[in-house]
Amino acid sequence: VGQAVIRRMMGAPESEKPAYIVITSIKQSEAESAVSYFKKLYAGRGT
């Protein structure tokens, strides 16, 4: 659900995207994995 929400936010027009998204999870490996995934997926998008 969390990843779907992030994709929805990042799918908005460039003029509507957030500048900063903090992703939480109970495990460090999970939170860091999600951040790594979205950084690669949305590289150069300004978030």
All heavy atoms as atom14 arrays in JSON, in Angstrom:
{
  "sequence": "VGQAVIRRMMGAPESEKPAYIVITSIKQSEAESAVSYFKKLYAGRGT",
  "atom14_mask": [
    [1, 1, 1, 1, 1, 1, 1, 0, 0, 0, 0, 0, 0, 0],
    [1, 1, 1, 1, 0, 0, 0, 0, 0, 0, 0, 0, 0, 0],
    [1, 1, 1, 1, 1, 1, 1, 1, 1, 0, 0, 0, 0, 0],
    [1, 1, 1, 1, 1, 0, 0, 0, 0, 0, 0, 0, 0, 0],
    [1, 1, 1, 1, 1, 1, 1, 0, 0, 0, 0, 0, 0, 0],
    [1, 1, 1, 1, 1, 1, 1, 1, 0, 0, 0, 0, 0, 0],
    [1, 1, 1, 1, 1, 1, 1, 1, 1, 1, 1, 0, 0, 0],
    [1, 1, 1, 1, 1, 1, 1, 1, 1, 1, 1, 0, 0, 0],
    [1, 1, 1, 1, 1, 1, 1, 1, 0, 0, 0, 0, 0, 0],
    [1, 1, 1, 1, 1, 1, 1, 1, 0, 0, 0, 0, 0, 0],
    [1, 1, 1, 1, 0, 0, 0, 0, 0, 0, 0, 0, 0, 0],
    [1, 1, 1, 1, 1, 0, 0, 0, 0, 0, 0, 0, 0, 0],
    [1, 1, 1, 1, 1, 1, 1, 0, 0, 0, 0, 0, 0, 0],
    [1, 1, 1, 1, 1, 1, 1, 1, 1, 0, 0, 0, 0, 0],
    [1, 1, 1, 1, 1, 1, 0, 0, 0, 0, 0, 0, 0, 0],
    [1, 1, 1, 1, 1, 1, 1, 1, 1, 0, 0, 0, 0, 0],
    [1, 1, 1, 1, 1, 1, 1, 1, 1, 0, 0, 0, 0, 0],
    [1, 1, 1, 1, 1, 1, 1, 0, 0, 0, 0, 0, 0, 0],
    [1, 1, 1, 1, 1, 0, 0, 0, 0, 0, 0, 0, 0, 0],
    [1, 1, 1, 1, 1, 1, 1, 1, 1, 1, 1, 1, 0, 0],
    [1, 1, 1, 1, 1, 1, 1, 1, 0, 0, 0, 0, 0, 0],
    [1, 1, 1, 1, 1, 1, 1, 0, 0, 0, 0, 0, 0, 0],
    [1, 1, 1, 1, 1, 1, 1, 1, 0, 0, 0, 0, 0, 0],
    [1, 1, 1, 1, 1, 1, 1, 0, 0, 0, 0, 0, 0, 0],
    [1, 1, 1, 1, 1, 1, 0, 0, 0, 0, 0, 0, 0, 0],
    [1, 1, 1, 1, 1, 1, 1, 1, 0, 0, 0, 0, 0, 0],
    [1, 1, 1, 1, 1, 1, 1, 1, 1, 0, 0, 0, 0, 0],
    [1, 1, 1, 1, 1, 1, 1, 1, 1, 0, 0, 0, 0, 0],
    [1, 1, 1, 1, 1, 1, 0, 0, 0, 0, 0, 0, 0, 0],
    [1, 1, 1, 1, 1, 1, 1, 1, 1, 0, 0, 0, 0, 0],
    [1, 1, 1, 1, 1, 0, 0, 0, 0, 0, 0, 0, 0, 0],
    [1, 1, 1, 1, 1, 1, 1, 1, 1, 0, 0, 0, 0, 0],
    [1, 1, 1, 1, 1, 1, 0, 0, 0, 0, 0, 0, 0, 0],
    [1, 1, 1, 1, 1, 0, 0, 0, 0, 0, 0, 0, 0, 0],
    [1, 1, 1, 1, 1, 1, 1, 0, 0, 0, 0, 0, 0, 0],
    [1, 1, 1, 1, 1, 1, 0, 0, 0, 0, 0, 0, 0, 0],
    [1, 1, 1, 1, 1, 1, 1, 1, 1, 1, 1, 1, 0, 0],
    [1, 1, 1, 1, 1, 1, 1, 1, 1, 1, 1, 0, 0, 0],
    [1, 1, 1, 1, 1, 1, 1, 1, 1, 0, 0, 0, 0, 0],
    [1, 1, 1, 1, 1, 1, 1, 1, 1, 0, 0, 0, 0, 0],
    [1, 1, 1, 1, 1, 1, 1, 1, 0, 0, 0, 0, 0, 0],
    [1, 1, 1, 1, 1, 1, 1, 1, 1, 1, 1, 1, 0, 0],
    [1, 1, 1, 1, 1, 0, 0, 0, 0, 0, 0, 0, 0, 0],
    [1, 1, 1, 1, 0, 0, 0, 0, 0, 0, 0, 0, 0, 0],
    [1, 1, 1, 1, 1, 1, 1, 1, 1, 1, 1, 0, 0, 0],
    [1, 1, 1, 1, 0, 0, 0, 0, 0, 0, 0, 0, 0, 0],
    [1, 1, 1, 1, 1, 1, 1, 0, 0, 0, 0, 0, 0, 0]
  ],
  "atom14_positions": [
    [[0.84, -1.2, 0.0], [0.0, 0.0, 0.0], [0.87, 1.25, 0.0], [0.64, 2.19, -0.77], [-0.96, -0.01, 1.21], [-1.71, 1.32, 1.29], [-1.95, -1.17, 1.11], [0.0, 0.0, 0.0], [0.0, 0.0, 0.0], [0.0, 0.0, 0.0], [0.0, 0.0, 0.0], [0.0, 0.0, 0.0], [0.0, 0.0, 0.0], [0.0, 0.0, 0.0]],
    [[1.89, 1.24, 0.85], [2.78, 2.4, 0.93], [3.47, 2.68, -0.4], [3.57, 3.83, -0.83], [0.0, 0.0, 0.0], [0.0, 0.0, 0.0], [0.0, 0.0, 0.0], [0.0, 0.0, 0.0], [0.0, 0.0, 0.0], [0.0, 0.0, 0.0], [0.0, 0.0, 0.0], [0.0, 0.0, 0.0], [0.0, 0.0, 0.0], [0.0, 0.0, 0.0]],
    [[3.94, 1.62, -1.05], [4.62, 1.81, -2.34], [3.64, 2.31, -3.41], [4.02, 3.12, -4.27], [5.3, 0.52, -2.77], [6.47, 0.14, -1.86], [7.4, -0.88, -2.48], [7.49, -0.98, -3.7], [8.1, -1.63, -1.65], [0.0, 0.0, 0.0], [0.0, 0.0, 0.0], [0.0, 0.0, 0.0], [0.0, 0.0, 0.0], [0.0, 0.0, 0.0]],
    [[2.41, 1.83, -3.36], [1.4, 2.29, -4.33], [1.11, 3.77, -4.13], [0.95, 4.52, -5.11], [0.12, 1.48, -4.17], [0.0, 0.0, 0.0], [0.0, 0.0, 0.0], [0.0, 0.0, 0.0], [0.0, 0.0, 0.0], [0.0, 0.0, 0.0], [0.0, 0.0, 0.0], [0.0, 0.0, 0.0], [0.0, 0.0, 0.0], [0.0, 0.0, 0.0]],
    [[1.08, 4.2, -2.87], [0.85, 5.62, -2.56], [2.0, 6.47, -3.11], [1.77, 7.54, -3.7], [0.69, 5.81, -1.04], [0.8, 7.28, -0.66], [-0.65, 5.26, -0.57], [0.0, 0.0, 0.0], [0.0, 0.0, 0.0], [0.0, 0.0, 0.0], [0.0, 0.0, 0.0], [0.0, 0.0, 0.0], [0.0, 0.0, 0.0], [0.0, 0.0, 0.0]],
    [[3.23, 6.01, -2.91], [4.4, 6.76, -3.39], [4.37, 6.86, -4.91], [4.63, 7.92, -5.49], [5.7, 6.11, -2.89], [5.78, 6.24, -1.36], [6.92, 6.78, -3.53], [6.89, 5.41, -0.73], [0.0, 0.0, 0.0], [0.0, 0.0, 0.0], [0.0, 0.0, 0.0], [0.0, 0.0, 0.0], [0.0, 0.0, 0.0], [0.0, 0.0, 0.0]],
    [[4.06, 5.75, -5.57], [3.99, 5.78, -7.04], [2.92, 6.76, -7.52], [3.1, 7.44, -8.52], [3.69, 4.38, -7.58], [4.83, 3.39, -7.46], [4.56, 2.15, -8.31], [5.55, 1.13, -8.07], [5.42, 0.14, -7.2], [4.3, 0.05, -6.47], [6.36, -0.76, -7.03], [0.0, 0.0, 0.0], [0.0, 0.0, 0.0], [0.0, 0.0, 0.0]],
    [[1.81, 6.8, -6.8], [0.73, 7.72, -7.19], [1.2, 9.17, -7.04], [0.95, 10.0, -7.93], [-0.5, 7.47, -6.33], [-1.71, 8.3, -6.71], [-2.17, 7.99, -8.12], [-3.32, 8.78, -8.49], [-4.58, 8.37, -8.34], [-4.84, 7.18, -7.82], [-5.58, 9.14, -8.73], [0.0, 0.0, 0.0], [0.0, 0.0, 0.0], [0.0, 0.0, 0.0]],
    [[1.89, 9.48, -5.96], [2.4, 10.84, -5.78], [3.42, 11.18, -6.86], [3.41, 12.28, -7.42], [3.04, 10.99, -4.39], [2.06, 11.1, -3.26], [2.86, 11.63, -1.71], [3.82, 10.16, -1.31], [0.0, 0.0, 0.0], [0.0, 0.0, 0.0], [0.0, 0.0, 0.0], [0.0, 0.0, 0.0], [0.0, 0.0, 0.0], [0.0, 0.0, 0.0]],
    [[4.29, 10.23, -7.18], [5.34, 10.49, -8.16], [4.81, 10.45, -9.59], [5.47, 10.9, -10.52], [6.47, 9.47, -8.01], [7.24, 9.61, -6.69], [7.95, 11.25, -6.45], [9.09, 11.32, -7.83], [0.0, 0.0, 0.0], [0.0, 0.0, 0.0], [0.0, 0.0, 0.0], [0.0, 0.0, 0.0], [0.0, 0.0, 0.0], [0.0, 0.0, 0.0]],
    [[3.59, 9.94, -9.77], [2.99, 9.92, -11.09], [2.28, 11.22, -11.44], [1.79, 11.38, -12.56], [0.0, 0.0, 0.0], [0.0, 0.0, 0.0], [0.0, 0.0, 0.0], [0.0, 0.0, 0.0], [0.0, 0.0, 0.0], [0.0, 0.0, 0.0], [0.0, 0.0, 0.0], [0.0, 0.0, 0.0], [0.0, 0.0, 0.0], [0.0, 0.0, 0.0]],
    [[2.24, 12.13, -10.47], [1.6, 13.43, -10.72], [2.48, 14.26, -11.65], [3.66, 13.98, -11.84], [1.42, 14.16, -9.38], [0.0, 0.0, 0.0], [0.0, 0.0, 0.0], [0.0, 0.0, 0.0], [0.0, 0.0, 0.0], [0.0, 0.0, 0.0], [0.0, 0.0, 0.0], [0.0, 0.0, 0.0], [0.0, 0.0, 0.0], [0.0, 0.0, 0.0]],
    [[1.92, 15.3, -12.26], [2.72, 16.2, -13.1], [3.91, 16.76, -12.32], [3.86, 16.87, -11.09], [1.73, 17.31, -13.46], [0.39, 16.66, -13.36], [0.5, 15.68, -12.24], [0.0, 0.0, 0.0], [0.0, 0.0, 0.0], [0.0, 0.0, 0.0], [0.0, 0.0, 0.0], [0.0, 0.0, 0.0], [0.0, 0.0, 0.0], [0.0, 0.0, 0.0]],
    [[4.97, 17.1, -13.04], [6.19, 17.58, -12.39], [5.92, 18.74, -11.45], [6.56, 18.87, -10.41], [7.21, 18.0, -13.45], [7.75, 16.85, -14.3], [8.53, 15.84, -13.48], [9.19, 16.25, -12.51], [8.47, 14.65, -13.8], [0.0, 0.0, 0.0], [0.0, 0.0, 0.0], [0.0, 0.0, 0.0], [0.0, 0.0, 0.0], [0.0, 0.0, 0.0]],
    [[4.97, 19.57, -11.79], [4.68, 20.76, -10.99], [3.94, 20.45, -9.7], [3.72, 21.34, -8.88], [3.83, 21.74, -11.81], [2.6, 21.13, -12.2], [0.0, 0.0, 0.0], [0.0, 0.0, 0.0], [0.0, 0.0, 0.0], [0.0, 0.0, 0.0], [0.0, 0.0, 0.0], [0.0, 0.0, 0.0], [0.0, 0.0, 0.0], [0.0, 0.0, 0.0]],
    [[3.57, 19.16, -9.48], [2.79, 18.81, -8.29], [3.51, 17.83, -7.36], [2.96, 17.42, -6.35], [1.45, 18.2, -8.71], [0.57, 19.15, -9.52], [-0.71, 18.49, -10.0], [-1.02, 17.39, -9.5], [-1.38, 19.07, -10.86], [0.0, 0.0, 0.0], [0.0, 0.0, 0.0], [0.0, 0.0, 0.0], [0.0, 0.0, 0.0], [0.0, 0.0, 0.0]],
    [[4.74, 17.45, -7.69], [5.44, 16.43, -6.9], [6.0, 17.0, -5.6], [6.41, 18.16, -5.55], [6.58, 15.83, -7.72], [6.13, 14.92, -8.84], [7.32, 14.28, -9.52], [6.87, 13.28, -10.58], [6.09, 13.9, -11.64], [0.0, 0.0, 0.0], [0.0, 0.0, 0.0], [0.0, 0.0, 0.0], [0.0, 0.0, 0.0], [0.0, 0.0, 0.0]],
    [[6.04, 16.16, -4.55], [6.69, 16.6, -3.31], [8.19, 16.69, -3.5], [8.77, 16.02, -4.37], [6.32, 15.52, -2.31], [6.06, 14.3, -3.13], [5.48, 14.8, -4.42], [0.0, 0.0, 0.0], [0.0, 0.0, 0.0], [0.0, 0.0, 0.0], [0.0, 0.0, 0.0], [0.0, 0.0, 0.0], [0.0, 0.0, 0.0], [0.0, 0.0, 0.0]],
    [[8.85, 17.51, -2.68], [10.3, 17.66, -2.77], [11.02, 16.59, -1.98], [12.18, 16.27, -2.27], [10.71, 19.05, -2.27], [0.0, 0.0, 0.0], [0.0, 0.0, 0.0], [0.0, 0.0, 0.0], [0.0, 0.0, 0.0], [0.0, 0.0, 0.0], [0.0, 0.0, 0.0], [0.0, 0.0, 0.0], [0.0, 0.0, 0.0], [0.0, 0.0, 0.0]],
    [[10.33, 16.0, -0.99], [11.02, 15.13, -0.03], [10.03, 14.08, 0.46], [8.93, 14.42, 0.91], [11.51, 16.0, 1.12], [12.52, 15.37, 2.05], [13.88, 15.44, 1.78], [12.11, 14.74, 3.22], [14.81, 14.9, 2.66], [13.04, 14.19, 4.1], [14.38, 14.27, 3.8], [15.3, 13.73, 4.66], [0.0, 0.0, 0.0], [0.0, 0.0, 0.0]],
    [[10.39, 12.8, 0.36], [9.55, 11.72, 0.88], [10.38, 10.86, 1.84], [11.42, 10.33, 1.46], [8.99, 10.84, -0.26], [8.08, 11.66, -1.18], [8.21, 9.66, 0.32], [7.54, 10.88, -2.38], [0.0, 0.0, 0.0], [0.0, 0.0, 0.0], [0.0, 0.0, 0.0], [0.0, 0.0, 0.0], [0.0, 0.0, 0.0], [0.0, 0.0, 0.0]],
    [[9.91, 10.75, 3.07], [10.52, 9.86, 4.06], [9.74, 8.55, 4.06], [8.52, 8.55, 4.21], [10.52, 10.47, 5.46], [11.08, 9.47, 6.48], [11.35, 11.75, 5.5], [0.0, 0.0, 0.0], [0.0, 0.0, 0.0], [0.0, 0.0, 0.0], [0.0, 0.0, 0.0], [0.0, 0.0, 0.0], [0.0, 0.0, 0.0], [0.0, 0.0, 0.0]],
    [[10.45, 7.44, 3.86], [9.82, 6.11, 3.8], [10.19, 5.34, 5.05], [11.37, 5.15, 5.35], [10.29, 5.34, 2.55], [9.93, 6.13, 1.28], [9.67, 3.95, 2.51], [10.47, 5.5, 0.01], [0.0, 0.0, 0.0], [0.0, 0.0, 0.0], [0.0, 0.0, 0.0], [0.0, 0.0, 0.0], [0.0, 0.0, 0.0], [0.0, 0.0, 0.0]],
    [[9.19, 4.88, 5.8], [9.47, 4.14, 7.02], [9.08, 2.67, 6.88], [8.2, 2.3, 6.11], [8.72, 4.72, 8.24], [7.37, 4.21, 8.27], [8.7, 6.23, 8.22], [0.0, 0.0, 0.0], [0.0, 0.0, 0.0], [0.0, 0.0, 0.0], [0.0, 0.0, 0.0], [0.0, 0.0, 0.0], [0.0, 0.0, 0.0], [0.0, 0.0, 0.0]],
    [[9.76, 1.85, 7.66], [9.4, 0.44, 7.83], [9.94, -0.01, 9.18], [10.78, 0.68, 9.78], [9.99, -0.42, 6.71], [9.5, -1.75, 6.81], [0.0, 0.0, 0.0], [0.0, 0.0, 0.0], [0.0, 0.0, 0.0], [0.0, 0.0, 0.0], [0.0, 0.0, 0.0], [0.0, 0.0, 0.0], [0.0, 0.0, 0.0], [0.0, 0.0, 0.0]],
    [[9.49, -1.14, 9.66], [9.96, -1.6, 10.96], [11.41, -2.05, 10.91], [12.15, -1.93, 11.88], [9.04, -2.73, 11.51], [9.32, -2.96, 13.0], [9.21, -4.01, 10.69], [8.27, -3.78, 13.7], [0.0, 0.0, 0.0], [0.0, 0.0, 0.0], [0.0, 0.0, 0.0], [0.0, 0.0, 0.0], [0.0, 0.0, 0.0], [0.0, 0.0, 0.0]],
    [[11.87, -2.52, 9.74], [13.25, -2.98, 9.59], [14.08, -1.99, 8.79], [13.6, -1.42, 7.8], [13.29, -4.34, 8.89], [12.64, -5.47, 9.67], [12.72, -6.77, 8.88], [12.06, -7.93, 9.63], [12.12, -9.19, 8.85], [0.0, 0.0, 0.0], [0.0, 0.0, 0.0], [0.0, 0.0, 0.0], [0.0, 0.0, 0.0], [0.0, 0.0, 0.0]],
    [[15.33, -1.8, 9.21], [16.23, -0.9, 8.5], [16.42, -1.34, 7.05], [16.39, -0.52, 6.13], [17.59, -0.84, 9.21], [18.6, 0.05, 8.52], [19.93, 0.13, 9.26], [20.06, -0.41, 10.36], [20.91, 0.77, 8.67], [0.0, 0.0, 0.0], [0.0, 0.0, 0.0], [0.0, 0.0, 0.0], [0.0, 0.0, 0.0], [0.0, 0.0, 0.0]],
    [[16.6, -2.65, 6.85], [16.84, -3.16, 5.5], [15.67, -2.87, 4.58], [15.85, -2.57, 3.39], [17.1, -4.67, 5.55], [16.0, -5.36, 6.1], [0.0, 0.0, 0.0], [0.0, 0.0, 0.0], [0.0, 0.0, 0.0], [0.0, 0.0, 0.0], [0.0, 0.0, 0.0], [0.0, 0.0, 0.0], [0.0, 0.0, 0.0], [0.0, 0.0, 0.0]],
    [[14.44, -2.93, 5.11], [13.25, -2.67, 4.3], [13.16, -1.19, 3.91], [12.89, -0.86, 2.75], [12.0, -3.09, 5.07], [11.89, -4.58, 5.29], [10.71, -4.97, 6.15], [10.13, -4.09, 6.81], [10.37, -6.17, 6.19], [0.0, 0.0, 0.0], [0.0, 0.0, 0.0], [0.0, 0.0, 0.0], [0.0, 0.0, 0.0], [0.0, 0.0, 0.0]],
    [[13.37, -0.31, 4.89], [13.29, 1.12, 4.62], [14.35, 1.55, 3.61], [14.08, 2.3, 2.66], [13.44, 1.91, 5.92], [0.0, 0.0, 0.0], [0.0, 0.0, 0.0], [0.0, 0.0, 0.0], [0.0, 0.0, 0.0], [0.0, 0.0, 0.0], [0.0, 0.0, 0.0], [0.0, 0.0, 0.0], [0.0, 0.0, 0.0], [0.0, 0.0, 0.0]],
    [[15.58, 1.04, 3.8], [16.66, 1.41, 2.89], [16.46, 0.8, 1.51], [16.79, 1.43, 0.49], [18.0, 0.97, 3.48], [18.38, 1.78, 4.71], [19.7, 1.35, 5.33], [20.13, 0.19, 5.06], [20.3, 2.14, 6.07], [0.0, 0.0, 0.0], [0.0, 0.0, 0.0], [0.0, 0.0, 0.0], [0.0, 0.0, 0.0], [0.0, 0.0, 0.0]],
    [[15.9, -0.4, 1.44], [15.62, -1.03, 0.16], [14.58, -0.23, -0.63], [14.73, -0.03, -1.84], [15.12, -2.46, 0.38], [14.66, -3.05, -0.82], [0.0, 0.0, 0.0], [0.0, 0.0, 0.0], [0.0, 0.0, 0.0], [0.0, 0.0, 0.0], [0.0, 0.0, 0.0], [0.0, 0.0, 0.0], [0.0, 0.0, 0.0], [0.0, 0.0, 0.0]],
    [[13.53, 0.22, 0.06], [12.49, 1.01, -0.61], [13.05, 2.33, -1.12], [12.75, 2.76, -2.24], [11.33, 1.27, 0.35], [0.0, 0.0, 0.0], [0.0, 0.0, 0.0], [0.0, 0.0, 0.0], [0.0, 0.0, 0.0], [0.0, 0.0, 0.0], [0.0, 0.0, 0.0], [0.0, 0.0, 0.0], [0.0, 0.0, 0.0], [0.0, 0.0, 0.0]],
    [[13.88, 2.98, -0.3], [14.49, 4.25, -0.72], [15.37, 4.03, -1.94], [15.33, 4.81, -2.91], [15.29, 4.87, 0.44], [16.22, 5.97, -0.07], [14.34, 5.44, 1.49], [0.0, 0.0, 0.0], [0.0, 0.0, 0.0], [0.0, 0.0, 0.0], [0.0, 0.0, 0.0], [0.0, 0.0, 0.0], [0.0, 0.0, 0.0], [0.0, 0.0, 0.0]],
    [[16.19, 2.98, -1.93], [17.06, 2.68, -3.06], [16.24, 2.43, -4.33], [16.59, 2.92, -5.42], [17.92, 1.45, -2.74], [18.72, 1.09, -3.85], [0.0, 0.0, 0.0], [0.0, 0.0, 0.0], [0.0, 0.0, 0.0], [0.0, 0.0, 0.0], [0.0, 0.0, 0.0], [0.0, 0.0, 0.0], [0.0, 0.0, 0.0], [0.0, 0.0, 0.0]],
    [[15.15, 1.69, -4.19], [14.29, 1.38, -5.33], [13.69, 2.65, -5.95], [13.74, 2.86, -7.17], [13.17, 0.44, -4.88], [12.08, 0.24, -5.9], [12.28, -0.58, -7.01], [10.85, 0.87, -5.75], [11.28, -0.76, -7.96], [9.85, 0.69, -6.69], [10.06, -0.13, -7.79], [9.07, -0.3, -8.71], [0.0, 0.0, 0.0], [0.0, 0.0, 0.0]],
    [[13.16, 3.52, -5.1], [12.5, 4.72, -5.62], [13.51, 5.75, -6.13], [13.21, 6.5, -7.07], [11.58, 5.33, -4.56], [10.29, 4.58, -4.4], [10.0, 3.9, -3.23], [9.37, 4.55, -5.44], [8.8, 3.21, -3.09], [8.18, 3.85, -5.33], [7.9, 3.18, -4.14], [0.0, 0.0, 0.0], [0.0, 0.0, 0.0], [0.0, 0.0, 0.0]],
    [[14.69, 5.78, -5.54], [15.72, 6.69, -6.06], [16.1, 6.32, -7.49], [16.3, 7.19, -8.34], [16.96, 6.65, -5.16], [16.87, 7.51, -3.9], [18.18, 7.49, -3.13], [18.13, 8.45, -1.96], [19.41, 8.45, -1.2], [0.0, 0.0, 0.0], [0.0, 0.0, 0.0], [0.0, 0.0, 0.0], [0.0, 0.0, 0.0], [0.0, 0.0, 0.0]],
    [[16.2, 5.01, -7.75], [16.53, 4.55, -9.1], [15.36, 4.75, -10.05], [15.53, 5.17, -11.19], [16.94, 3.08, -9.06], [18.26, 2.81, -8.36], [18.56, 1.32, -8.31], [19.86, 1.04, -7.57], [20.14, -0.42, -7.45], [0.0, 0.0, 0.0], [0.0, 0.0, 0.0], [0.0, 0.0, 0.0], [0.0, 0.0, 0.0], [0.0, 0.0, 0.0]],
    [[14.16, 4.46, -9.56], [12.97, 4.54, -10.4], [12.67, 5.97, -10.82], [12.24, 6.22, -11.96], [11.76, 3.96, -9.66], [10.45, 3.83, -10.44], [10.61, 2.89, -11.63], [9.33, 3.34, -9.52], [0.0, 0.0, 0.0], [0.0, 0.0, 0.0], [0.0, 0.0, 0.0], [0.0, 0.0, 0.0], [0.0, 0.0, 0.0], [0.0, 0.0, 0.0]],
    [[12.91, 6.92, -9.91], [12.57, 8.31, -10.19], [13.8, 9.21, -10.16], [13.73, 10.37, -9.74], [11.53, 8.8, -9.19], [10.23, 8.02, -9.26], [9.82, 7.2, -8.21], [9.42, 8.09, -10.39], [8.63, 6.49, -8.28], [8.23, 7.38, -10.47], [7.85, 6.58, -9.41], [6.68, 5.87, -9.49], [0.0, 0.0, 0.0], [0.0, 0.0, 0.0]],
    [[14.92, 8.7, -10.64], [16.15, 9.5, -10.71], [15.93, 10.73, -11.58], [15.32, 10.65, -12.65], [17.29, 8.65, -11.27], [0.0, 0.0, 0.0], [0.0, 0.0, 0.0], [0.0, 0.0, 0.0], [0.0, 0.0, 0.0], [0.0, 0.0, 0.0], [0.0, 0.0, 0.0], [0.0, 0.0, 0.0], [0.0, 0.0, 0.0], [0.0, 0.0, 0.0]],
    [[16.41, 11.85, -11.09], [16.31, 13.09, -11.87], [14.95, 13.75, -11.84], [14.73, 14.72, -12.57], [0.0, 0.0, 0.0], [0.0, 0.0, 0.0], [0.0, 0.0, 0.0], [0.0, 0.0, 0.0], [0.0, 0.0, 0.0], [0.0, 0.0, 0.0], [0.0, 0.0, 0.0], [0.0, 0.0, 0.0], [0.0, 0.0, 0.0], [0.0, 0.0, 0.0]],
    [[14.04, 13.24, -10.99], [12.7, 13.82, -10.94], [12.58, 14.96, -9.92], [11.52, 15.56, -9.77], [11.67, 12.74, -10.58], [11.58, 11.62, -11.6], [10.92, 12.07, -12.88], [10.68, 10.96, -13.79], [9.58, 10.23, -13.79], [8.61, 10.48, -12.92], [9.43, 9.24, -14.65], [0.0, 0.0, 0.0], [0.0, 0.0, 0.0], [0.0, 0.0, 0.0]],
    [[13.64, 15.22, -9.15], [13.61, 16.34, -8.21], [13.07, 16.03, -6.83], [12.93, 16.94, -6.01], [0.0, 0.0, 0.0], [0.0, 0.0, 0.0], [0.0, 0.0, 0.0], [0.0, 0.0, 0.0], [0.0, 0.0, 0.0], [0.0, 0.0, 0.0], [0.0, 0.0, 0.0], [0.0, 0.0, 0.0], [0.0, 0.0, 0.0], [0.0, 0.0, 0.0]],
    [[12.75, 14.77, -6.56], [12.25, 14.37, -5.24], [13.31, 13.56, -4.51], [13.86, 12.61, -5.06], [10.97, 13.53, -5.36], [9.95, 14.3, -6.02], [10.46, 13.1, -3.99], [0.0, 0.0, 0.0], [0.0, 0.0, 0.0], [0.0, 0.0, 0.0], [0.0, 0.0, 0.0], [0.0, 0.0, 0.0], [0.0, 0.0, 0.0], [0.0, 0.0, 0.0]]
  ]
}
